[in-house]
PDB file of N, CA and C in Angstrom:
ATOM      1  N   MET A   1      22.389  -0.328  13.258  1.00  0.00           N
ATOM      2  CA  MET A   1      21.068  -0.547  13.373  1.00  0.00           C
ATOM      3  C   MET A   1      20.434  -0.470  11.851  1.00  0.00           C
ATOM      4  N   PRO A   2      19.526  -0.952  11.711  1.00  0.00           N
ATOM      5  CA  PRO A   2      19.354  -0.809  10.063  1.00  0.00           C
ATOM      6  C   PRO A   2      18.154   0.456  10.152  1.00  0.00           C
ATOM      7  N   LYS A   3      18.358   1.011   9.139  1.00  0.00           N
ATOM      8  CA  LYS A   3      18.045   2.514   8.958  1.00  0.00           C
ATOM      9  C   LYS A   3      16.838   2.642   8.482  1.00  0.00           C
ATOM     10  N   SER A   4      16.013   1.628   7.729  1.00  0.00           N
ATOM     11  CA  SER A   4      14.475   1.591   7.083  1.00  0.00           C
ATOM     12  C   SER A   4      13.943   0.471   7.988  1.00  0.00           C
ATOM     13  N   PHE A   5      12.677   0.956   7.958  1.00  0.00           N
ATOM     14  CA  PHE A   5      11.838  -0.354   8.923  1.00  0.00           C
ATOM     15  C   PHE A   5      11.518  -1.351   7.910  1.00  0.00           C
ATOM     16  N   ALA A   6      12.184  -1.355   6.533  1.00  0.00           N
ATOM     17  CA  ALA A   6      12.208  -2.316   5.539  1.00  0.00           C
ATOM     18  C   ALA A   6      13.291  -3.311   6.141  1.00  0.00           C
ATOM     19  N   GLU A   7      14.291  -2.747   6.269  1.00  0.00           N
ATOM     20  CA  GLU A   7      15.260  -3.175   6.585  1.00  0.00           C
ATOM     21  C   GLU A   7      15.367  -3.597   8.382  1.00  0.00           C
ATOM     22  N   LYS A   8      14.721  -3.422   8.828  1.00  0.00           N
ATOM     23  CA  LYS A   8      14.480  -4.042  10.171  1.00  0.00           C
ATOM     24  C   LYS A   8      13.679  -5.412   9.699  1.00  0.00           C
ATOM     25  N   ILE A   9      12.922  -5.171   8.992  1.00  0.00           N
ATOM     26  CA  ILE A   9      12.423  -6.745   9.104  1.00  0.00           C
ATOM     27  C   ILE A   9      12.895  -7.241   8.386  1.00  0.00           C
ATOM     28  N   ASN A  10      13.216  -7.393   7.581  1.00  0.00           N
ATOM     29  CA  ASN A  10      14.596  -8.405   6.883  1.00  0.00           C
ATOM     30  C   ASN A  10      15.596  -8.466   7.487  1.00  0.00           C
ATOM     31  N   LYS A  11      16.282  -7.775   8.812  1.00  0.00           N
ATOM     32  CA  LYS A  11      17.240  -8.258   9.597  1.00  0.00           C
ATOM     33  C   LYS A  11      16.372  -9.038  10.505  1.00  0.00           C
ATOM     34  N   ALA A  12      15.195  -8.938  10.827  1.00  0.00           N
ATOM     35  CA  ALA A  12      14.578  -9.528  12.162  1.00  0.00           C
ATOM     36  C   ALA A  12      14.338 -11.047  11.900  1.00  0.00           C
ATOM     37  N   LYS A  13      14.290 -10.717  10.009  1.00  0.00           N
ATOM     38  CA  LYS A  13      13.808 -12.470   9.235  1.00  0.00           C
ATOM     39  C   LYS A  13      15.091 -13.497   9.335  1.00  0.00           C
ATOM     40  N   LEU A  14      16.328 -12.555   9.256  1.00  0.00           N
ATOM     41  CA  LEU A  14      17.412 -13.194   9.081  1.00  0.00           C
ATOM     42  C   LEU A  14      17.685 -13.686  10.376  1.00  0.00           C
ATOM     43  N   LEU A  15      17.780 -12.956  11.345  1.00  0.00           N
ATOM     44  CA  LEU A  15      17.893 -13.368  12.711  1.00  0.00           C
ATOM     45  C   LEU A  15      16.755 -14.779  13.157  1.00  0.00           C
ATOM     46  N   VAL A  16      15.944 -14.636  12.817  1.00  0.00           N
ATOM     47  CA  VAL A  16      15.064 -15.817  13.166  1.00  0.00           C
ATOM     48  C   VAL A  16      15.348 -17.010  12.074  1.00  0.00           C
ATOM     49  N   GLU A  17      15.821 -17.019  10.813  1.00  0.00           N
ATOM     50  CA  GLU A  17      16.449 -17.845  10.067  1.00  0.00           C
ATOM     51  C   GLU A  17      17.590 -18.253  11.052  1.00  0.00           C
ATOM     52  N   ALA A  18      18.716 -17.643  11.213  1.00  0.00           N
ATOM     53  CA  ALA A  18      19.311 -18.258  11.712  1.00  0.00           C
ATOM     54  C   ALA A  18      19.654 -18.391  13.199  1.00  0.00           C
ATOM     55  N   MET A  19      18.536 -18.537  13.848  1.00  0.00           N
ATOM     56  CA  MET A  19      18.479 -18.971  15.209  1.00  0.00           C
ATOM     57  C   MET A  19      17.730 -20.008  15.051  1.00  0.00           C
ATOM     58  N   ARG A  20      16.626 -20.465  13.961  1.00  0.00           N
ATOM     59  CA  ARG A  20      16.287 -21.565  13.489  1.00  0.00           C
ATOM     60  C   ARG A  20      17.394 -22.680  13.431  1.00  0.00           C
ATOM     61  N   ASN A  21      18.150 -22.547  12.602  1.00  0.00           N
ATOM     62  CA  ASN A  21      19.403 -22.911  12.346  1.00  0.00           C
ATOM     63  C   ASN A  21      20.257 -23.582  13.351  1.00  0.00           C
ATOM     64  N   ASN A  22      20.140 -23.164  14.382  1.00  0.00           N
ATOM     65  CA  ASN A  22      21.086 -22.853  15.697  1.00  0.00           C
ATOM     66  C   ASN A  22      20.424 -22.988  16.731  1.00  0.00           C
ATOM     67  N   LYS A  23      19.433 -23.640  17.070  1.00  0.00           N
ATOM     68  CA  LYS A  23      18.571 -23.799  18.111  1.00  0.00           C
ATOM     69  C   LYS A  23      19.040 -24.440  18.914  1.00  0.00           C
ATOM     70  N   GLU A  24      19.788 -25.477  18.708  1.00  0.00           N
ATOM     71  CA  GLU A  24      20.264 -26.736  19.652  1.00  0.00           C
ATOM     72  C   GLU A  24      21.045 -25.522  20.444  1.00  0.00           C
ATOM     73  N   THR A  25      21.974 -24.827  20.094  1.00  0.00           N
ATOM     74  CA  THR A  25      22.914 -24.119  20.883  1.00  0.00           C
ATOM     75  C   THR A  25      22.610 -22.501  21.436  1.00  0.00           C
ATOM     76  N   LEU A  26      21.712 -22.080  20.981  1.00  0.00           N
ATOM     77  CA  LEU A  26      20.983 -20.889  21.880  1.00  0.00           C
ATOM     78  C   LEU A  26      21.109 -20.859  23.282  1.00  0.00           C
ATOM     79  N   PRO A  27      20.938 -19.859  23.976  1.00  0.00           N
ATOM     80  CA  PRO A  27      20.890 -19.540  25.355  1.00  0.00           C
ATOM     81  C   PRO A  27      19.575 -19.813  25.550  1.00  0.00           C
ATOM     82  N   LYS A  28      18.910 -20.238  26.836  1.00  0.00           N
ATOM     83  CA  LYS A  28      17.766 -20.572  27.420  1.00  0.00           C
ATOM     84  C   LYS A  28      16.783 -19.685  26.887  1.00  0.00           C
ATOM     85  N   PRO A  29      16.835 -18.849  26.942  1.00  0.00           N
ATOM     86  CA  PRO A  29      15.504 -17.910  27.033  1.00  0.00           C
ATOM     87  C   PRO A  29      15.370 -17.527  25.175  1.00  0.00           C
ATOM     88  N   LEU A  30      15.825 -18.035  24.742  1.00  0.00           N
ATOM     89  CA  LEU A  30      16.076 -17.710  23.224  1.00  0.00           C
ATOM     90  C   LEU A  30      15.328 -19.642  22.883  1.00  0.00           C
ATOM     91  N   THR A  31      13.974 -19.401  23.207  1.00  0.00           N
ATOM     92  CA  THR A  31      13.379 -21.484  23.169  1.00  0.00           C
ATOM     93  C   THR A  31      12.704 -21.040  21.652  1.00  0.00           C
ATOM     94  N   GLU A  32      12.431 -22.031  21.328  1.00  0.00           N
ATOM     95  CA  GLU A  32      11.251 -22.418  20.021  1.00  0.00           C
ATOM     96  C   GLU A  32      10.188 -21.302  19.927  1.00  0.00           C
ATOM     97  N   GLU A  33       9.913 -21.314  21.017  1.00  0.00           N
ATOM     98  CA  GLU A  33       8.446 -20.078  21.198  1.00  0.00           C
ATOM     99  C   GLU A  33       8.507 -18.926  20.985  1.00  0.00           C
ATOM    100  N   PHE A  34       9.929 -17.979  21.500  1.00  0.00           N
ATOM    101  CA  PHE A  34      10.661 -17.309  21.581  1.00  0.00           C
ATOM    102  C   PHE A  34      10.769 -17.138  19.944  1.00  0.00           C
ATOM    103  N   ILE A  35      11.097 -17.806  18.992  1.00  0.00           N
ATOM    104  CA  ILE A  35      11.646 -17.906  17.928  1.00  0.00           C
ATOM    105  C   ILE A  35      10.424 -18.024  16.891  1.00  0.00           C
ATOM    106  N   GLU A  36       9.509 -18.351  17.128  1.00  0.00           N
ATOM    107  CA  GLU A  36       7.975 -18.251  16.209  1.00  0.00           C
ATOM    108  C   GLU A  36       7.672 -17.067  16.719  1.00  0.00           C
ATOM    109  N   ASP A  37       7.634 -16.535  17.708  1.00  0.00           N
ATOM    110  CA  ASP A  37       6.733 -15.387  18.015  1.00  0.00           C
ATOM    111  C   ASP A  37       7.248 -14.134  17.362  1.00  0.00           C
ATOM    112  N   LEU A  38       8.760 -14.189  17.277  1.00  0.00           N
ATOM    113  CA  LEU A  38       9.299 -13.114  16.496  1.00  0.00           C
ATOM    114  C   LEU A  38       9.406 -13.350  15.082  1.00  0.00           C
ATOM    115  N   ALA A  39       9.367 -14.612  14.343  1.00  0.00           N
ATOM    116  CA  ALA A  39       8.929 -14.597  13.459  1.00  0.00           C
ATOM    117  C   ALA A  39       7.490 -14.241  12.337  1.00  0.00           C
ATOM    118  N   LYS A  40       6.846 -14.647  13.579  1.00  0.00           N
ATOM    119  CA  LYS A  40       5.333 -14.197  13.256  1.00  0.00           C
ATOM    120  C   LYS A  40       5.041 -12.428  13.226  1.00  0.00           C
ATOM    121  N   LYS A  41       5.768 -11.632  14.091  1.00  0.00           N
ATOM    122  CA  LYS A  41       5.598 -10.693  14.449  1.00  0.00           C
ATOM    123  C   LYS A  41       6.454  -9.716  13.198  1.00  0.00           C
ATOM    124  N   ALA A  42       7.459 -10.357  12.720  1.00  0.00           N
ATOM    125  CA  ALA A  42       8.066  -9.729  11.444  1.00  0.00           C
ATOM    126  C   ALA A  42       7.291  -9.682  10.521  1.00  0.00           C
ATOM    127  N   ASP A  43       6.393 -11.273  10.216  1.00  0.00           N
ATOM    128  CA  ASP A  43       5.725 -11.533   8.800  1.00  0.00           C
ATOM    129  C   ASP A  43       4.586 -10.700   9.249  1.00  0.00           C
ATOM    130  N   LEU A  44       3.997 -10.211  10.060  1.00  0.00           N
ATOM    131  CA  LEU A  44       3.063  -9.409  10.125  1.00  0.00           C
ATOM    132  C   LEU A  44       3.471  -8.154   9.631  1.00  0.00           C
ATOM    133  N   ALA A  45       4.606  -7.587  10.725  1.00  0.00           N
ATOM    134  CA  ALA A  45       5.229  -6.009  10.420  1.00  0.00           C
ATOM    135  C   ALA A  45       5.286  -6.074   8.854  1.00  0.00           C
ATOM    136  N   ALA A  46       5.888  -7.074   7.889  1.00  0.00           N
ATOM    137  CA  ALA A  46       5.851  -6.832   6.510  1.00  0.00           C
ATOM    138  C   ALA A  46       4.894  -6.565   5.782  1.00  0.00           C
ATOM    139  N   GLU A  47       3.957  -7.518   6.303  1.00  0.00           N
ATOM    140  CA  GLU A  47       2.256  -7.394   5.630  1.00  0.00           C
ATOM    141  C   GLU A  47       1.848  -5.955   5.986  1.00  0.00           C
ATOM    142  N   LEU A  48       2.026  -5.241   7.229  1.00  0.00           N
ATOM    143  CA  LEU A  48       1.072  -4.130   7.530  1.00  0.00           C
ATOM    144  C   LEU A  48       2.035  -3.217   6.599  1.00  0.00           C
ATOM    145  N   ASN A  49       3.394  -3.029   6.668  1.00  0.00           N
ATOM    146  CA  ASN A  49       4.257  -2.055   5.913  1.00  0.00           C
ATOM    147  C   ASN A  49       3.798  -2.301   4.679  1.00  0.00           C
ATOM    148  N   SER A  50       3.473  -3.276   3.658  1.00  0.00           N
ATOM    149  CA  SER A  50       3.448  -3.755   2.460  1.00  0.00           C
ATOM    150  C   SER A  50       1.935  -2.972   2.117  1.00  0.00           C
ATOM    151  N   VAL A  51       1.198  -2.560   2.824  1.00  0.00           N
ATOM    152  CA  VAL A  51      -0.379  -2.154   3.060  1.00  0.00           C
ATOM    153  C   VAL A  51      -0.316  -0.552   3.322  1.00  0.00           C
ATOM    154  N   GLN A  52       0.791   0.113   4.025  1.00  0.00           N
ATOM    155  CA  GLN A  52       0.826   1.224   4.752  1.00  0.00           C
ATOM    156  C   GLN A  52       1.394   1.694   3.596  1.00  0.00           C
ATOM    157  N   GLU A  53       2.581   1.092   2.739  1.00  0.00           N
ATOM    158  CA  GLU A  53       2.890   1.753   1.202  1.00  0.00           C
ATOM    159  C   GLU A  53       2.338   2.308   0.551  1.00  0.00           C
ATOM    160  N   LYS A  54       1.173   1.190   0.415  1.00  0.00           N
ATOM    161  CA  LYS A  54       0.124   1.246  -0.790  1.00  0.00           C
ATOM    162  C   LYS A  54      -0.556   2.420  -0.187  1.00  0.00           C
ATOM    163  N   LEU A  55      -0.967   2.497   0.774  1.00  0.00           N
ATOM    164  CA  LEU A  55      -1.837   3.828   1.161  1.00  0.00           C
ATOM    165  C   LEU A  55      -1.422   4.856   1.042  1.00  0.00           C
ATOM    166  N   LYS A  56      -0.110   5.121   1.270  1.00  0.00           N
ATOM    167  CA  LYS A  56       0.898   6.091   1.195  1.00  0.00           C
ATOM    168  C   LYS A  56       0.833   6.729   0.032  1.00  0.00           C
ATOM    169  N   ALA A  57       0.767   5.724  -1.313  1.00  0.00           N
ATOM    170  CA  ALA A  57       0.843   5.624  -2.530  1.00  0.00           C
ATOM    171  C   ALA A  57      -0.584   6.526  -3.133  1.00  0.00           C
ATOM    172  N   ASP A  58      -1.759   5.775  -2.543  1.00  0.00           N
ATOM    173  CA  ASP A  58      -3.021   6.047  -2.607  1.00  0.00           C
ATOM    174  C   ASP A  58      -2.989   7.768  -1.998  1.00  0.00           C
ATOM    175  N   LEU A  59      -2.514   7.850  -1.420  1.00  0.00           N
ATOM    176  CA  LEU A  59      -2.909   9.374  -0.506  1.00  0.00           C
ATOM    177  C   LEU A  59      -2.421  10.227  -1.234  1.00  0.00           C
ATOM    178  N   LYS A  60      -0.765  10.192  -1.955  1.00  0.00           N
ATOM    179  CA  LYS A  60      -0.261  10.956  -2.969  1.00  0.00           C
ATOM    180  C   LYS A  60      -1.268  11.255  -3.997  1.00  0.00           C
ATOM    181  N   THR A  61      -1.604  10.120  -4.834  1.00  0.00           N
ATOM    182  CA  THR A  61      -2.327  10.249  -5.726  1.00  0.00           C
ATOM    183  C   THR A  61      -3.609  10.870  -5.655  1.00  0.00           C
ATOM    184  N   GLN A  62      -4.700  10.481  -4.769  1.00  0.00           N
ATOM    185  CA  GLN A  62      -5.352  11.359  -4.149  1.00  0.00           C
ATOM    186  C   GLN A  62      -5.821  12.925  -3.603  1.00  0.00           C
ATOM    187  N   THR A  63      -4.071  12.971  -3.196  1.00  0.00           N
ATOM    188  CA  THR A  63      -3.795  14.487  -2.895  1.00  0.00           C
ATOM    189  C   THR A  63      -3.678  15.234  -4.281  1.00  0.00           C
ATOM    190  N   ALA A  64      -2.668  14.808  -5.225  1.00  0.00           N
ATOM    191  CA  ALA A  64      -2.619  15.311  -6.318  1.00  0.00           C
ATOM    192  C   ALA A  64      -3.984  15.552  -7.181  1.00  0.00           C
ATOM    193  N   ARG A  65      -4.818  14.874  -6.568  1.00  0.00           N
ATOM    194  CA  ARG A  65      -6.030  14.748  -7.597  1.00  0.00           C
ATOM    195  C   ARG A  65      -6.893  16.056  -6.885  1.00  0.00           C
ATOM    196  N   LEU A  66      -7.051  15.992  -5.552  1.00  0.00           N
ATOM    197  CA  LEU A  66      -7.563  17.363  -5.046  1.00  0.00           C
ATOM    198  C   LEU A  66      -7.019  18.661  -5.617  1.00  0.00           C
ATOM    199  N   ASP A  67      -5.604  18.527  -5.101  1.00  0.00           N
ATOM    200  CA  ASP A  67      -4.660  19.954  -5.516  1.00  0.00           C
ATOM    201  C   ASP A  67      -5.481  20.269  -7.011  1.00  0.00           C
ATOM    202  N   THR A  68      -5.456  19.759  -8.028  1.00  0.00           N
ATOM    203  CA  THR A  68      -6.114  20.086  -9.382  1.00  0.00           C
ATOM    204  C   THR A  68      -7.004  20.846  -9.265  1.00  0.00           C
ATOM    205  N   LEU A  69      -8.131  19.968  -8.548  1.00  0.00           N
ATOM    206  CA  LEU A  69      -9.702  20.249  -8.572  1.00  0.00           C
ATOM    207  C   LEU A  69      -9.802  21.458  -7.766  1.00  0.00           C
ATOM    208  N   ARG A  70      -9.138  22.104  -6.619  1.00  0.00           N
ATOM    209  CA  ARG A  70      -8.879  23.594  -6.035  1.00  0.00           C
ATOM    210  C   ARG A  70      -8.446  23.955  -6.846  1.00  0.00           C
ATOM    211  N   LYS A  71      -7.398  23.724  -7.620  1.00  0.00           N
ATOM    212  CA  LYS A  71      -7.133  25.063  -8.409  1.00  0.00           C
ATOM    213  C   LYS A  71      -8.240  25.421  -9.347  1.00  0.00           C
ATOM    214  N   GLU A  72      -8.688  24.449  -9.968  1.00  0.00           N
ATOM    215  CA  GLU A  72      -9.793  24.471 -11.209  1.00  0.00           C
ATOM    216  C   GLU A  72     -10.674  25.077 -10.378  1.00  0.00           C
ATOM    217  N   ILE A  73     -11.351  25.089  -9.449  1.00  0.00           N
ATOM    218  CA  ILE A  73     -12.422  25.878  -8.411  1.00  0.00           C
ATOM    219  C   ILE A  73     -12.152  27.093  -8.276  1.00  0.00           C
ATOM    220  N   ASP A  74     -10.690  27.559  -7.774  1.00  0.00           N
ATOM    221  CA  ASP A  74      -9.954  28.751  -7.594  1.00  0.00           C
ATOM    222  C   ASP A  74     -10.461  29.685  -8.708  1.00  0.00           C
ATOM    223  N   VAL A  75      -9.898  28.927 -10.187  1.00  0.00           N
ATOM    224  CA  VAL A  75     -10.018  29.823 -11.457  1.00  0.00           C
ATOM    225  C   VAL A  75     -11.697  29.744 -11.823  1.00  0.00           C
ATOM    226  N   HIS A  76     -12.560  28.885 -11.432  1.00  0.00           N
ATOM    227  CA  HIS A  76     -13.789  29.036 -11.596  1.00  0.00           C
ATOM    228  C   HIS A  76     -14.668  30.272 -11.042  1.00  0.00           C
ATOM    229  N   TYR A  77     -14.305  29.773  -9.348  1.00  0.00           N
ATOM    230  CA  TYR A  77     -15.036  31.067  -8.553  1.00  0.00           C
ATOM    231  C   TYR A  77     -14.259  32.534  -8.929  1.00  0.00           C
ATOM    232  N   ALA A  78     -13.407  32.690  -9.472  1.00  0.00           N
ATOM    233  CA  ALA A  78     -12.465  34.061  -9.518  1.00  0.00           C
ATOM    234  C   ALA A  78     -13.132  34.584 -11.040  1.00  0.00           C
ATOM    235  N   ASP A  79     -13.560  33.563 -11.854  1.00  0.00           N
ATOM    236  CA  ASP A  79     -13.914  34.134 -13.072  1.00  0.00           C
ATOM    237  C   ASP A  79     -15.465  34.394 -12.578  1.00  0.00           C
ATOM    238  N   ALA A  80     -16.202  33.500 -12.221  1.00  0.00           N
ATOM    239  CA  ALA A  80     -17.588  34.047 -11.644  1.00  0.00           C
ATOM    240  C   ALA A  80     -17.660  35.016 -10.629  1.00  0.00           C
ATOM    241  N   LYS A  81     -17.100  35.276 -10.131  1.00  0.00           N
ATOM    242  CA  LYS A  81     -16.996  36.276  -9.240  1.00  0.00           C
ATOM    243  C   LYS A  81     -16.574  38.092  -9.540  1.00  0.00           C
ATOM    244  N   LYS A  82     -15.910  37.682 -10.800  1.00  0.00           N
ATOM    245  CA  LYS A  82     -15.393  38.779 -11.815  1.00  0.00           C
ATOM    246  C   LYS A  82     -16.512  39.279 -12.314  1.00  0.00           C
ATOM    247  N   ARG A  83     -17.056  38.401 -12.989  1.00  0.00           N
ATOM    248  CA  ARG A  83     -18.576  38.603 -14.286  1.00  0.00           C
ATOM    249  C   ARG A  83     -19.608  39.007 -13.241  1.00  0.00           C
ATOM    250  N   ILE A  84     -19.833  38.805 -11.803  1.00  0.00           N
ATOM    251  CA  ILE A  84     -20.985  39.011 -11.239  1.00  0.00           C
ATOM    252  C   ILE A  84     -20.796  40.767 -10.612  1.00  0.00           C
ATOM    253  N   LYS A  85     -19.573  41.143 -10.217  1.00  0.00           N
ATOM    254  CA  LYS A  85     -19.418  41.774  -9.945  1.00  0.00           C
ATOM    255  C   LYS A  85     -19.242  43.082 -11.008  1.00  0.00           C
ATOM    256  N   LEU A  86     -19.245  42.726 -12.477  1.00  0.00           N
ATOM    257  CA  LEU A  86     -19.383  43.471 -13.328  1.00  0.00           C
ATOM    258  C   LEU A  86     -20.748  43.546 -13.520  1.00  0.00           C
ATOM    259  N   ASP A  87     -21.636  42.545 -13.795  1.00  0.00           N
ATOM    260  CA  ASP A  87     -22.925  42.642 -14.154  1.00  0.00           C
ATOM    261  C   ASP A  87     -24.052  42.821 -12.864  1.00  0.00           C
ATOM    262  N   PHE A  88     -23.656  42.794 -11.590  1.00  0.00           N
ATOM    263  CA  PHE A  88     -24.436  43.223 -10.343  1.00  0.00           C
ATOM    264  C   PHE A  88     -24.182  44.351  -9.623  1.00  0.00           C
ATOM    265  N   ALA A  89     -25.130  45.205  -8.955  1.00  0.00           N
ATOM    266  CA  ALA A  89     -24.937  46.393  -8.225  1.00  0.00           C
ATOM    267  C   ALA A  89     -24.224  45.307  -7.136  1.00  0.00           C
ATOM    268  N   ARG A  90     -23.244  46.917  -6.459  1.00  0.00           N
ATOM    269  CA  ARG A  90     -22.566  46.032  -5.279  1.00  0.00           C
ATOM    270  C   ARG A  90     -23.782  45.653  -4.018  1.00  0.00           C
ATOM    271  N   GLU A  91     -24.359  46.348  -3.781  1.00  0.00           N
ATOM    272  CA  GLU A  91     -25.368  45.603  -2.847  1.00  0.00           C
ATOM    273  C   GLU A  91     -25.763  44.413  -2.866  1.00  0.00           C
ATOM    274  N   ARG A  92     -25.875  44.053  -4.315  1.00  0.00           N
ATOM    275  CA  ARG A  92     -26.006  42.571  -4.775  1.00  0.00           C
ATOM    276  C   ARG A  92     -24.907  41.213  -4.141  1.00  0.00           C
ATOM    277  N   TRP A  93     -24.041  42.122  -4.340  1.00  0.00           N
ATOM    278  CA  TRP A  93     -22.714  41.130  -3.971  1.00  0.00           C
ATOM    279  C   TRP A  93     -23.181  40.112  -2.729  1.00  0.00           C
ATOM    280  N   VAL A  94     -23.368  40.747  -1.270  1.00  0.00           N
ATOM    281  CA  VAL A  94     -23.387  39.869  -0.712  1.00  0.00           C
ATOM    282  C   VAL A  94     -24.447  38.496  -1.182  1.00  0.00           C
ATOM    283  N   GLU A  95     -25.506  39.039  -1.633  1.00  0.00           N
ATOM    284  CA  GLU A  95     -26.228  38.084  -2.025  1.00  0.00           C
ATOM    285  C   GLU A  95     -25.341  36.372  -2.511  1.00  0.00           C
ATOM    286  N   PHE A  96     -24.200  36.951  -3.116  1.00  0.00           N
ATOM    287  CA  PHE A  96     -23.578  35.988  -3.705  1.00  0.00           C
ATOM    288  C   PHE A  96     -22.227  35.430  -3.033  1.00  0.00           C
ATOM    289  N   GLY A  97     -22.225  35.862  -1.671  1.00  0.00           N
ATOM    290  CA  GLY A  97     -21.265  35.560  -0.723  1.00  0.00           C
ATOM    291  C   GLY A  97     -20.137  36.554  -0.594  1.00  0.00           C
ATOM    292  N   PHE A  98     -20.153  38.032  -1.500  1.00  0.00           N
ATOM    293  CA  PHE A  98     -19.121  38.917  -1.326  1.00  0.00           C
ATOM    294  C   PHE A  98     -19.486  39.947  -0.646  1.00  0.00           C
ATOM    295  N   ASP A  99     -18.249  39.839   0.240  1.00  0.00           N
ATOM    296  CA  ASP A  99     -18.534  41.405   0.778  1.00  0.00           C
ATOM    297  C   ASP A  99     -17.093  42.547   0.764  1.00  0.00           C
ATOM    298  N   ASP A 100     -16.806  42.229  -1.062  1.00  0.00           N
ATOM    299  CA  ASP A 100     -15.790  43.219  -1.477  1.00  0.00           C
ATOM    300  C   ASP A 100     -16.420  44.724  -1.445  1.00  0.00           C
ATOM    301  N   LYS A 101     -15.545  45.567  -0.785  1.00  0.00           N
ATOM    302  CA  LYS A 101     -16.099  46.920  -1.215  1.00  0.00           C
ATOM    303  C   LYS A 101     -15.948  47.281  -2.548  1.00  0.00           C
ATOM    304  N   ARG A 102     -15.134  47.018  -3.048  1.00  0.00           N
ATOM    305  CA  ARG A 102     -14.991  47.720  -4.691  1.00  0.00           C
ATOM    306  C   ARG A 102     -15.287  46.180  -5.738  1.00  0.00           C
TER     307      ARG A 102
END
């Protein structure tokens, strides 16, 4: 059995081609309609797999961008929090969203 989905699609296309070349000798259930249905499904699966792979690549790119942005926010937040804690009385920290004791 093929390991990857792309291999399954390629195996299905190879099967379709072989069935088309030997349709006169195929058993009854393997009609022209059956062959064409499998061919259409294999083509659609290949197309959808291609779209899915592109989306996965885009998602990886977006995830990397988001991770970088999160790190930058964490650094800025920590810098601002440290500065506010130095310059404002503890009682005012709550208005900045800090409920720290120190």
